[in-house]
PDB file of all heavy atoms in Angstrom:
ATOM      1  N   ILE A   1      -5.346   0.508  19.090  1.00  0.00           N
ATOM      2  CA  ILE A   1      -6.394   1.482  19.226  1.00  0.00           C
ATOM      3  C   ILE A   1      -5.872   2.872  19.081  1.00  0.00           C
ATOM      4  O   ILE A   1      -6.506   3.894  18.470  1.00  0.00           O
ATOM      5  CB  ILE A   1      -6.926   1.503  20.814  1.00  0.00           C
ATOM      6  CG1 ILE A   1      -7.852   0.087  20.997  1.00  0.00           C
ATOM      7  CG2 ILE A   1      -7.638   2.720  21.164  1.00  0.00           C
ATOM      8  CD1 ILE A   1      -9.025   0.258  20.335  1.00  0.00           C
ATOM      9  N   ALA A   2      -4.588   3.119  19.420  1.00  0.00           N
ATOM     10  CA  ALA A   2      -3.971   4.468  19.282  1.00  0.00           C
ATOM     11  C   ALA A   2      -3.920   4.832  17.719  1.00  0.00           C
ATOM     12  O   ALA A   2      -4.183   6.014  17.406  1.00  0.00           O
ATOM     13  CB  ALA A   2      -2.675   4.526  19.896  1.00  0.00           C
ATOM     14  N   GLU A   3      -3.443   3.937  16.944  1.00  0.00           N
ATOM     15  CA  GLU A   3      -3.375   4.048  15.656  1.00  0.00           C
ATOM     16  C   GLU A   3      -4.769   4.312  14.991  1.00  0.00           C
ATOM     17  O   GLU A   3      -4.952   5.085  14.040  1.00  0.00           O
ATOM     18  CB  GLU A   3      -2.667   2.917  14.861  1.00  0.00           C
ATOM     19  CG  GLU A   3      -2.076   3.362  13.491  1.00  0.00           C
ATOM     20  CD  GLU A   3      -2.775   2.650  12.266  1.00  0.00           C
ATOM     21  OE1 GLU A   3      -3.561   1.768  12.668  1.00  0.00           O
ATOM     22  OE2 GLU A   3      -2.541   2.989  11.109  1.00  0.00           O
ATOM     23  N   SER A   4      -5.743   3.564  15.347  1.00  0.00           N
ATOM     24  CA  SER A   4      -7.081   3.758  14.959  1.00  0.00           C
ATOM     25  C   SER A   4      -7.635   5.246  15.257  1.00  0.00           C
ATOM     26  O   SER A   4      -8.357   5.844  14.439  1.00  0.00           O
ATOM     27  CB  SER A   4      -8.015   2.706  15.611  1.00  0.00           C
ATOM     28  OG  SER A   4      -7.717   1.392  15.209  1.00  0.00           O
ATOM     29  N   ALA A   5      -7.298   5.543  16.439  1.00  0.00           N
ATOM     30  CA  ALA A   5      -7.610   6.903  16.796  1.00  0.00           C
ATOM     31  C   ALA A   5      -6.948   8.005  15.940  1.00  0.00           C
ATOM     32  O   ALA A   5      -7.723   8.977  15.583  1.00  0.00           O
ATOM     33  CB  ALA A   5      -7.308   7.284  18.373  1.00  0.00           C
ATOM     34  N   LEU A   6      -5.703   7.720  15.561  1.00  0.00           N
ATOM     35  CA  LEU A   6      -5.126   8.744  14.690  1.00  0.00           C
ATOM     36  C   LEU A   6      -5.814   8.747  13.343  1.00  0.00           C
ATOM     37  O   LEU A   6      -6.047   9.750  12.724  1.00  0.00           O
ATOM     38  CB  LEU A   6      -3.619   8.258  14.501  1.00  0.00           C
ATOM     39  CG  LEU A   6      -2.847   9.131  13.476  1.00  0.00           C
ATOM     40  CD1 LEU A   6      -2.740  10.571  13.789  1.00  0.00           C
ATOM     41  CD2 LEU A   6      -1.459   8.451  13.340  1.00  0.00           C
ATOM     42  N   LYS A   7      -6.034   7.553  12.812  1.00  0.00           N
ATOM     43  CA  LYS A   7      -6.836   7.453  11.494  1.00  0.00           C
ATOM     44  C   LYS A   7      -8.123   8.111  11.483  1.00  0.00           C
ATOM     45  O   LYS A   7      -8.531   8.852  10.590  1.00  0.00           O
ATOM     46  CB  LYS A   7      -6.859   6.018  11.025  1.00  0.00           C
ATOM     47  CG  LYS A   7      -5.576   5.415  10.626  1.00  0.00           C
ATOM     48  CD  LYS A   7      -5.810   4.082  10.065  1.00  0.00           C
ATOM     49  CE  LYS A   7      -6.343   2.986  10.934  1.00  0.00           C
ATOM     50  NZ  LYS A   7      -6.408   1.593  10.319  1.00  0.00           N
ATOM     51  N   ARG A   8      -8.853   7.814  12.592  1.00  0.00           N
ATOM     52  CA  ARG A   8     -10.146   8.453  12.694  1.00  0.00           C
ATOM     53  C   ARG A   8     -10.092   9.951  12.863  1.00  0.00           C
ATOM     54  O   ARG A   8     -10.961  10.648  12.194  1.00  0.00           O
ATOM     55  CB  ARG A   8     -10.963   7.833  13.903  1.00  0.00           C
ATOM     56  CG  ARG A   8     -12.349   8.075  13.990  1.00  0.00           C
ATOM     57  CD  ARG A   8     -12.990   7.321  15.095  1.00  0.00           C
ATOM     58  NE  ARG A   8     -14.441   7.389  15.173  1.00  0.00           N
ATOM     59  CZ  ARG A   8     -15.182   6.695  14.375  1.00  0.00           C
ATOM     60  NH1 ARG A   8     -14.853   6.005  13.564  1.00  0.00           N
ATOM     61  NH2 ARG A   8     -16.524   6.980  14.487  1.00  0.00           N
ATOM     62  N   ARG A   9      -9.148  10.454  13.524  1.00  0.00           N
ATOM     63  CA  ARG A   9      -8.922  11.780  13.696  1.00  0.00           C
ATOM     64  C   ARG A   9      -8.606  12.515  12.311  1.00  0.00           C
ATOM     65  O   ARG A   9      -9.041  13.568  12.131  1.00  0.00           O
ATOM     66  CB  ARG A   9      -7.779  12.115  14.753  1.00  0.00           C
ATOM     67  CG  ARG A   9      -7.624  13.493  15.242  1.00  0.00           C
ATOM     68  CD  ARG A   9      -6.484  13.684  16.185  1.00  0.00           C
ATOM     69  NE  ARG A   9      -6.191  15.036  16.660  1.00  0.00           N
ATOM     70  CZ  ARG A   9      -6.777  15.538  17.742  1.00  0.00           C
ATOM     71  NH1 ARG A   9      -7.485  14.833  18.450  1.00  0.00           N
ATOM     72  NH2 ARG A   9      -6.572  16.697  18.026  1.00  0.00           N
ATOM     73  N   GLN A  10      -7.812  11.837  11.531  1.00  0.00           N
ATOM     74  CA  GLN A  10      -7.356  12.349  10.237  1.00  0.00           C
ATOM     75  C   GLN A  10      -8.362  12.039   9.191  1.00  0.00           C
ATOM     76  O   GLN A  10      -8.270  12.496   7.927  1.00  0.00           O
ATOM     77  CB  GLN A  10      -6.002  11.787   9.717  1.00  0.00           C
ATOM     78  CG  GLN A  10      -4.993  12.074  10.834  1.00  0.00           C
ATOM     79  CD  GLN A  10      -4.895  13.519  11.345  1.00  0.00           C
ATOM     80  OE1 GLN A  10      -5.000  14.417  10.474  1.00  0.00           O
ATOM     81  NE2 GLN A  10      -4.792  13.626  12.661  1.00  0.00           N
ATOM     82  N   GLY A  11      -9.432  11.212   9.329  1.00  0.00           N
ATOM     83  CA  GLY A  11     -10.429  10.943   8.444  1.00  0.00           C
ATOM     84  C   GLY A  11      -9.954   9.924   7.276  1.00  0.00           C
ATOM     85  O   GLY A  11     -10.364  10.105   6.195  1.00  0.00           O
ATOM     86  N   VAL A  12      -9.076   9.035   7.710  1.00  0.00           N
ATOM     87  CA  VAL A  12      -8.489   8.094   6.678  1.00  0.00           C
ATOM     88  C   VAL A  12      -8.786   6.617   7.126  1.00  0.00           C
ATOM     89  O   VAL A  12      -8.897   6.468   8.273  1.00  0.00           O
ATOM     90  CB  VAL A  12      -7.072   8.236   6.454  1.00  0.00           C
ATOM     91  CG1 VAL A  12      -6.662   9.615   5.848  1.00  0.00           C
ATOM     92  CG2 VAL A  12      -6.303   8.027   7.714  1.00  0.00           C
ATOM     93  N   LYS A  13      -8.932   5.666   6.117  1.00  0.00           N
ATOM     94  CA  LYS A  13      -9.207   4.276   6.470  1.00  0.00           C
ATOM     95  C   LYS A  13      -7.969   3.628   6.761  1.00  0.00           C
ATOM     96  O   LYS A  13      -7.961   2.760   7.709  1.00  0.00           O
ATOM     97  CB  LYS A  13      -9.957   3.738   5.311  1.00  0.00           C
ATOM     98  CG  LYS A  13     -10.326   2.246   5.527  1.00  0.00           C
ATOM     99  CD  LYS A  13     -11.001   1.717   4.344  1.00  0.00           C
ATOM    100  CE  LYS A  13     -11.490   0.236   4.512  1.00  0.00           C
ATOM    101  NZ  LYS A  13     -10.249  -0.627   4.642  1.00  0.00           N
ATOM    102  N   ASP A  14      -6.868   3.779   6.036  1.00  0.00           N
ATOM    103  CA  ASP A  14      -5.681   3.138   6.290  1.00  0.00           C
ATOM    104  C   ASP A  14      -4.543   4.114   6.304  1.00  0.00           C
ATOM    105  O   ASP A  14      -4.631   5.242   5.730  1.00  0.00           O
ATOM    106  CB  ASP A  14      -5.461   2.117   5.064  1.00  0.00           C
ATOM    107  CG  ASP A  14      -6.450   0.961   5.159  1.00  0.00           C
ATOM    108  OD1 ASP A  14      -6.771   0.325   6.142  1.00  0.00           O
ATOM    109  OD2 ASP A  14      -7.033   0.666   4.102  1.00  0.00           O
ATOM    110  N   SER A  15      -3.371   3.648   6.974  1.00  0.00           N
ATOM    111  CA  SER A  15      -2.201   4.614   6.967  1.00  0.00           C
ATOM    112  C   SER A  15      -1.624   4.789   5.573  1.00  0.00           C
ATOM    113  O   SER A  15      -0.997   5.839   5.363  1.00  0.00           O
ATOM    114  CB  SER A  15      -1.234   4.109   7.990  1.00  0.00           C
ATOM    115  OG  SER A  15      -0.786   2.743   7.535  1.00  0.00           O
ATOM    116  N   SER A  16      -1.762   3.831   4.737  1.00  0.00           N
ATOM    117  CA  SER A  16      -1.298   3.871   3.261  1.00  0.00           C
ATOM    118  C   SER A  16      -1.934   2.652   2.663  1.00  0.00           C
ATOM    119  O   SER A  16      -2.793   1.971   3.216  1.00  0.00           O
ATOM    120  CB  SER A  16       0.272   3.946   3.167  1.00  0.00           C
ATOM    121  OG  SER A  16       0.820   2.582   3.540  1.00  0.00           O
ATOM    122  N   THR A  17      -1.400   2.456   1.418  1.00  0.00           N
ATOM    123  CA  THR A  17      -1.935   1.327   0.601  1.00  0.00           C
ATOM    124  C   THR A  17      -0.845   0.328   0.194  1.00  0.00           C
ATOM    125  O   THR A  17      -0.916  -0.303  -0.762  1.00  0.00           O
ATOM    126  CB  THR A  17      -2.715   1.821  -0.570  1.00  0.00           C
ATOM    127  OG1 THR A  17      -1.853   2.562  -1.422  1.00  0.00           O
ATOM    128  CG2 THR A  17      -3.964   2.553  -0.271  1.00  0.00           C
ATOM    129  N   LEU A  18       0.195   0.252   0.994  1.00  0.00           N
ATOM    130  CA  LEU A  18       1.359  -0.480   0.625  1.00  0.00           C
ATOM    131  C   LEU A  18       1.081  -1.918   0.701  1.00  0.00           C
ATOM    132  O   LEU A  18       1.721  -2.728  -0.101  1.00  0.00           O
ATOM    133  CB  LEU A  18       2.456  -0.120   1.640  1.00  0.00           C
ATOM    134  CG  LEU A  18       3.111   1.196   1.494  1.00  0.00           C
ATOM    135  CD1 LEU A  18       4.189   1.493   2.584  1.00  0.00           C
ATOM    136  CD2 LEU A  18       3.740   1.415   0.142  1.00  0.00           C
ATOM    137  N   ILE A  19       0.241  -2.451   1.572  1.00  0.00           N
ATOM    138  CA  ILE A  19       0.034  -3.926   1.775  1.00  0.00           C
ATOM    139  C   ILE A  19      -1.387  -4.319   1.418  1.00  0.00           C
ATOM    140  O   ILE A  19      -2.344  -4.000   2.130  1.00  0.00           O
ATOM    141  CB  ILE A  19       0.340  -4.353   3.215  1.00  0.00           C
ATOM    142  CG1 ILE A  19       1.732  -3.842   3.699  1.00  0.00           C
ATOM    143  CG2 ILE A  19       0.326  -5.857   3.378  1.00  0.00           C
ATOM    144  CD1 ILE A  19       2.064  -3.924   5.233  1.00  0.00           C
ATOM    145  N   PRO A  20      -1.635  -5.203   0.420  1.00  0.00           N
ATOM    146  CA  PRO A  20      -2.967  -5.485   0.067  1.00  0.00           C
ATOM    147  C   PRO A  20      -3.672  -6.165   1.168  1.00  0.00           C
ATOM    148  O   PRO A  20      -3.164  -7.214   1.916  1.00  0.00           O
ATOM    149  CB  PRO A  20      -2.686  -6.494  -1.056  1.00  0.00           C
ATOM    150  CG  PRO A  20      -1.449  -6.085  -1.728  1.00  0.00           C
ATOM    151  CD  PRO A  20      -0.643  -5.672  -0.457  1.00  0.00           C
ATOM    152  N   GLY A  21      -4.860  -5.707   1.470  1.00  0.00           N
ATOM    153  CA  GLY A  21      -5.632  -6.218   2.600  1.00  0.00           C
ATOM    154  C   GLY A  21      -5.374  -5.895   4.013  1.00  0.00           C
ATOM    155  O   GLY A  21      -5.997  -6.065   5.024  1.00  0.00           O
ATOM    156  N   HIS A  22      -4.173  -5.098   4.203  1.00  0.00           N
ATOM    157  CA  HIS A  22      -3.817  -4.576   5.438  1.00  0.00           C
ATOM    158  C   HIS A  22      -3.688  -3.131   5.496  1.00  0.00           C
ATOM    159  O   HIS A  22      -3.532  -2.554   6.579  1.00  0.00           O
ATOM    160  CB  HIS A  22      -2.524  -5.325   5.813  1.00  0.00           C
ATOM    161  CG  HIS A  22      -2.617  -6.764   6.040  1.00  0.00           C
ATOM    162  ND1 HIS A  22      -2.896  -7.384   7.405  1.00  0.00           N
ATOM    163  CD2 HIS A  22      -2.564  -7.838   5.232  1.00  0.00           C
ATOM    164  CE1 HIS A  22      -2.942  -8.639   7.196  1.00  0.00           C
ATOM    165  NE2 HIS A  22      -2.719  -8.965   5.891  1.00  0.00           N
ATOM    166  N   GLY A  23      -3.528  -2.433   4.474  1.00  0.00           N
ATOM    167  CA  GLY A  23      -3.364  -1.144   4.504  1.00  0.00           C
ATOM    168  C   GLY A  23      -1.918  -0.687   4.416  1.00  0.00           C
ATOM    169  O   GLY A  23      -1.111  -1.098   3.438  1.00  0.00           O
ATOM    170  N   GLY A  24      -1.323   0.006   5.383  1.00  0.00           N
ATOM    171  CA  GLY A  24       0.053   0.396   5.508  1.00  0.00           C
ATOM    172  C   GLY A  24       0.779  -0.485   6.552  1.00  0.00           C
ATOM    173  O   GLY A  24       0.202  -1.233   7.312  1.00  0.00           O
ATOM    174  N   LEU A  25       2.100  -0.146   6.645  1.00  0.00           N
ATOM    175  CA  LEU A  25       2.919  -0.858   7.622  1.00  0.00           C
ATOM    176  C   LEU A  25       2.501  -0.443   8.928  1.00  0.00           C
ATOM    177  O   LEU A  25       2.467  -1.316   9.962  1.00  0.00           O
ATOM    178  CB  LEU A  25       4.384  -0.506   7.444  1.00  0.00           C
ATOM    179  CG  LEU A  25       5.149  -0.957   6.231  1.00  0.00           C
ATOM    180  CD1 LEU A  25       6.535  -0.683   6.214  1.00  0.00           C
ATOM    181  CD2 LEU A  25       4.902  -2.494   6.104  1.00  0.00           C
ATOM    182  N   LEU A  26       2.006   0.739   9.211  1.00  0.00           N
ATOM    183  CA  LEU A  26       1.710   1.202  10.534  1.00  0.00           C
ATOM    184  C   LEU A  26       0.309   0.479  10.878  1.00  0.00           C
ATOM    185  O   LEU A  26       0.035   0.073  12.132  1.00  0.00           O
ATOM    186  CB  LEU A  26       1.359   2.724  10.467  1.00  0.00           C
ATOM    187  CG  LEU A  26       1.193   3.345  11.930  1.00  0.00           C
ATOM    188  CD1 LEU A  26       2.317   3.102  12.918  1.00  0.00           C
ATOM    189  CD2 LEU A  26       0.987   4.866  11.785  1.00  0.00           C
ATOM    190  N   ASP A  27      -0.515   0.218   9.923  1.00  0.00           N
ATOM    191  CA  ASP A  27      -1.745  -0.556  10.311  1.00  0.00           C
ATOM    192  C   ASP A  27      -1.388  -1.984  10.701  1.00  0.00           C
ATOM    193  O   ASP A  27      -2.093  -2.612  11.423  1.00  0.00           O
ATOM    194  CB  ASP A  27      -2.642  -0.736   8.936  1.00  0.00           C
ATOM    195  CG  ASP A  27      -3.206   0.656   8.459  1.00  0.00           C
ATOM    196  OD1 ASP A  27      -3.586   1.453   9.338  1.00  0.00           O
ATOM    197  OD2 ASP A  27      -3.104   0.878   7.327  1.00  0.00           O
ATOM    198  N   ARG A  28      -0.336  -2.590  10.119  1.00  0.00           N
ATOM    199  CA  ARG A  28      -0.032  -3.887  10.323  1.00  0.00           C
ATOM    200  C   ARG A  28       0.831  -4.144  11.664  1.00  0.00           C
ATOM    201  O   ARG A  28       0.773  -5.053  12.460  1.00  0.00           O
ATOM    202  CB  ARG A  28       0.800  -4.511   9.245  1.00  0.00           C
ATOM    203  CG  ARG A  28       1.174  -6.020   9.327  1.00  0.00           C
ATOM    204  CD  ARG A  28      -0.026  -6.963   9.403  1.00  0.00           C
ATOM    205  NE  ARG A  28      -0.964  -6.593  10.371  1.00  0.00           N
ATOM    206  CZ  ARG A  28      -2.002  -7.392  10.774  1.00  0.00           C
ATOM    207  NH1 ARG A  28      -2.233  -8.484  10.211  1.00  0.00           N
ATOM    208  NH2 ARG A  28      -2.739  -7.026  11.817  1.00  0.00           N
ATOM    209  N   PHE A  29       1.695  -3.089  11.906  1.00  0.00           N
ATOM    210  CA  PHE A  29       2.581  -3.203  13.070  1.00  0.00           C
ATOM    211  C   PHE A  29       2.326  -2.344  14.446  1.00  0.00           C
ATOM    212  O   PHE A  29       3.095  -2.239  15.196  1.00  0.00           O
ATOM    213  CB  PHE A  29       4.043  -2.908  12.575  1.00  0.00           C
ATOM    214  CG  PHE A  29       4.589  -3.866  11.621  1.00  0.00           C
ATOM    215  CD1 PHE A  29       4.795  -3.651  10.189  1.00  0.00           C
ATOM    216  CD2 PHE A  29       4.923  -5.132  11.896  1.00  0.00           C
ATOM    217  CE1 PHE A  29       5.221  -4.444   9.332  1.00  0.00           C
ATOM    218  CE2 PHE A  29       5.308  -6.087  11.151  1.00  0.00           C
ATOM    219  CZ  PHE A  29       5.495  -5.717   9.821  1.00  0.00           C
ATOM    220  N   ASP A  30       1.127  -1.732  14.215  1.00  0.00           N
ATOM    221  CA  ASP A  30       0.748  -0.787  15.284  1.00  0.00           C
ATOM    222  C   ASP A  30       0.697  -1.560  16.703  1.00  0.00           C
ATOM    223  O   ASP A  30       1.277  -1.074  17.754  1.00  0.00           O
ATOM    224  CB  ASP A  30      -0.601  -0.139  15.148  1.00  0.00           C
ATOM    225  CG  ASP A  30      -1.654  -1.102  14.727  1.00  0.00           C
ATOM    226  OD1 ASP A  30      -1.496  -2.267  14.675  1.00  0.00           O
ATOM    227  OD2 ASP A  30      -2.752  -0.580  14.457  1.00  0.00           O
ATOM    228  N   ALA A  31       0.266  -2.840  16.701  1.00  0.00           N
ATOM    229  CA  ALA A  31       0.074  -3.520  17.967  1.00  0.00           C
ATOM    230  C   ALA A  31       1.506  -3.961  18.369  1.00  0.00           C
ATOM    231  O   ALA A  31       1.742  -4.022  19.538  1.00  0.00           O
ATOM    232  CB  ALA A  31      -0.780  -4.831  17.769  1.00  0.00           C
ATOM    233  N   LEU A  32       2.393  -4.285  17.398  1.00  0.00           N
ATOM    234  CA  LEU A  32       3.714  -4.680  17.906  1.00  0.00           C
ATOM    235  C   LEU A  32       4.573  -3.517  18.467  1.00  0.00           C
ATOM    236  O   LEU A  32       5.344  -3.649  19.333  1.00  0.00           O
ATOM    237  CB  LEU A  32       4.598  -5.180  16.643  1.00  0.00           C
ATOM    238  CG  LEU A  32       6.053  -5.689  16.800  1.00  0.00           C
ATOM    239  CD1 LEU A  32       5.952  -6.838  17.849  1.00  0.00           C
ATOM    240  CD2 LEU A  32       6.545  -6.179  15.589  1.00  0.00           C
ATOM    241  N   LEU A  33       4.159  -2.266  17.960  1.00  0.00           N
ATOM    242  CA  LEU A  33       4.734  -1.121  18.500  1.00  0.00           C
ATOM    243  C   LEU A  33       4.409  -0.900  19.958  1.00  0.00           C
ATOM    244  O   LEU A  33       5.168  -0.559  20.887  1.00  0.00           O
ATOM    245  CB  LEU A  33       4.426   0.220  17.680  1.00  0.00           C
ATOM    246  CG  LEU A  33       4.933   0.192  16.235  1.00  0.00           C
ATOM    247  CD1 LEU A  33       4.270   1.464  15.555  1.00  0.00           C
ATOM    248  CD2 LEU A  33       6.369   0.189  16.273  1.00  0.00           C
ATOM    249  N   GLY A  34       3.072  -1.081  20.249  1.00  0.00           N
ATOM    250  CA  GLY A  34       2.548  -0.935  21.591  1.00  0.00           C
ATOM    251  C   GLY A  34       3.184  -1.918  22.577  1.00  0.00           C
ATOM    252  O   GLY A  34       3.547  -1.643  23.596  1.00  0.00           O
ATOM    253  N   ALA A  35       3.276  -3.259  22.034  1.00  0.00           N
ATOM    254  CA  ALA A  35       3.870  -4.249  22.804  1.00  0.00           C
ATOM    255  C   ALA A  35       5.236  -3.961  23.066  1.00  0.00           C
ATOM    256  O   ALA A  35       5.865  -4.243  24.244  1.00  0.00           O
ATOM    257  CB  ALA A  35       3.721  -5.644  22.100  1.00  0.00           C
ATOM    258  N   SER A  36       6.082  -3.451  22.011  1.00  0.00           N
ATOM    259  CA  SER A  36       7.560  -3.288  22.200  1.00  0.00           C
ATOM    260  C   SER A  36       7.776  -2.180  23.211  1.00  0.00           C
ATOM    261  O   SER A  36       8.587  -2.268  24.153  1.00  0.00           O
ATOM    262  CB  SER A  36       8.139  -2.915  20.903  1.00  0.00           C
ATOM    263  OG  SER A  36       9.435  -2.482  20.992  1.00  0.00           O
ATOM    264  N   LEU A  37       6.895  -1.010  23.115  1.00  0.00           N
ATOM    265  CA  LEU A  37       7.120   0.097  24.140  1.00  0.00           C
ATOM    266  C   LEU A  37       6.820  -0.412  25.529  1.00  0.00           C
ATOM    267  O   LEU A  37       7.576  -0.081  26.482  1.00  0.00           O
ATOM    268  CB  LEU A  37       6.119   1.206  23.702  1.00  0.00           C
ATOM    269  CG  LEU A  37       6.511   1.953  22.412  1.00  0.00           C
ATOM    270  CD1 LEU A  37       5.408   2.972  22.074  1.00  0.00           C
ATOM    271  CD2 LEU A  37       7.864   2.745  22.633  1.00  0.00           C
ATOM    272  N   PHE A  38       5.789  -1.214  25.704  1.00  0.00           N
ATOM    273  CA  PHE A  38       5.395  -1.704  27.037  1.00  0.00           C
ATOM    274  C   PHE A  38       6.488  -2.565  27.641  1.00  0.00           C
ATOM    275  O   PHE A  38       6.933  -2.515  28.716  1.00  0.00           O
ATOM    276  CB  PHE A  38       4.167  -2.316  26.937  1.00  0.00           C
ATOM    277  CG  PHE A  38       3.673  -2.948  28.377  1.00  0.00           C
ATOM    278  CD1 PHE A  38       3.138  -1.963  29.309  1.00  0.00           C
ATOM    279  CD2 PHE A  38       3.832  -4.213  28.701  1.00  0.00           C
ATOM    280  CE1 PHE A  38       2.803  -2.519  30.568  1.00  0.00           C
ATOM    281  CE2 PHE A  38       3.406  -4.744  29.997  1.00  0.00           C
ATOM    282  CZ  PHE A  38       2.902  -3.809  30.938  1.00  0.00           C
ATOM    283  N   MET A  39       6.832  -3.617  26.667  1.00  0.00           N
ATOM    284  CA  MET A  39       8.010  -4.496  27.201  1.00  0.00           C
ATOM    285  C   MET A  39       9.369  -3.731  27.587  1.00  0.00           C
ATOM    286  O   MET A  39      10.039  -4.061  28.410  1.00  0.00           O
ATOM    287  CB  MET A  39       8.316  -5.547  26.051  1.00  0.00           C
ATOM    288  CG  MET A  39       9.102  -6.668  26.435  1.00  0.00           C
ATOM    289  SD  MET A  39       8.338  -7.587  27.944  1.00  0.00           S
ATOM    290  CE  MET A  39       9.780  -8.297  28.681  1.00  0.00           C
ATOM    291  N   LEU A  40       9.642  -2.702  26.759  1.00  0.00           N
ATOM    292  CA  LEU A  40      10.893  -1.961  27.195  1.00  0.00           C
ATOM    293  C   LEU A  40      10.702  -1.241  28.492  1.00  0.00           C
ATOM    294  O   LEU A  40      11.577  -1.297  29.449  1.00  0.00           O
ATOM    295  CB  LEU A  40      11.117  -0.819  26.134  1.00  0.00           C
ATOM    296  CG  LEU A  40      11.673  -1.232  24.877  1.00  0.00           C
ATOM    297  CD1 LEU A  40      11.574  -0.080  23.807  1.00  0.00           C
ATOM    298  CD2 LEU A  40      13.085  -1.602  25.013  1.00  0.00           C
ATOM    299  N   LEU A  41       9.446  -0.795  28.889  1.00  0.00           N
ATOM    300  CA  LEU A  41       9.189  -0.205  30.106  1.00  0.00           C
ATOM    301  C   LEU A  41       9.323  -1.301  31.218  1.00  0.00           C
ATOM    302  O   LEU A  41       9.995  -1.082  32.263  1.00  0.00           O
ATOM    303  CB  LEU A  41       7.821   0.410  30.135  1.00  0.00           C
ATOM    304  CG  LEU A  41       7.316   1.038  31.540  1.00  0.00           C
ATOM    305  CD1 LEU A  41       8.200   2.109  31.917  1.00  0.00           C
ATOM    306  CD2 LEU A  41       5.895   1.410  31.428  1.00  0.00           C
TER     307      LEU A  41
END
C-alpha cells in the first residue's frame, strides 16, 4: 500500500519496467520490505 501511495502520488503506474508483468523491483518486493521491517521490530 505504501508503494502504491508513492506511485499514485508521482503519477506513475510502475516503479520501473525492469520485470515483465511486474514493473520494477520495488513493485515486486514492496511487501517483503514491509514484512522485513515489521519482523525486525
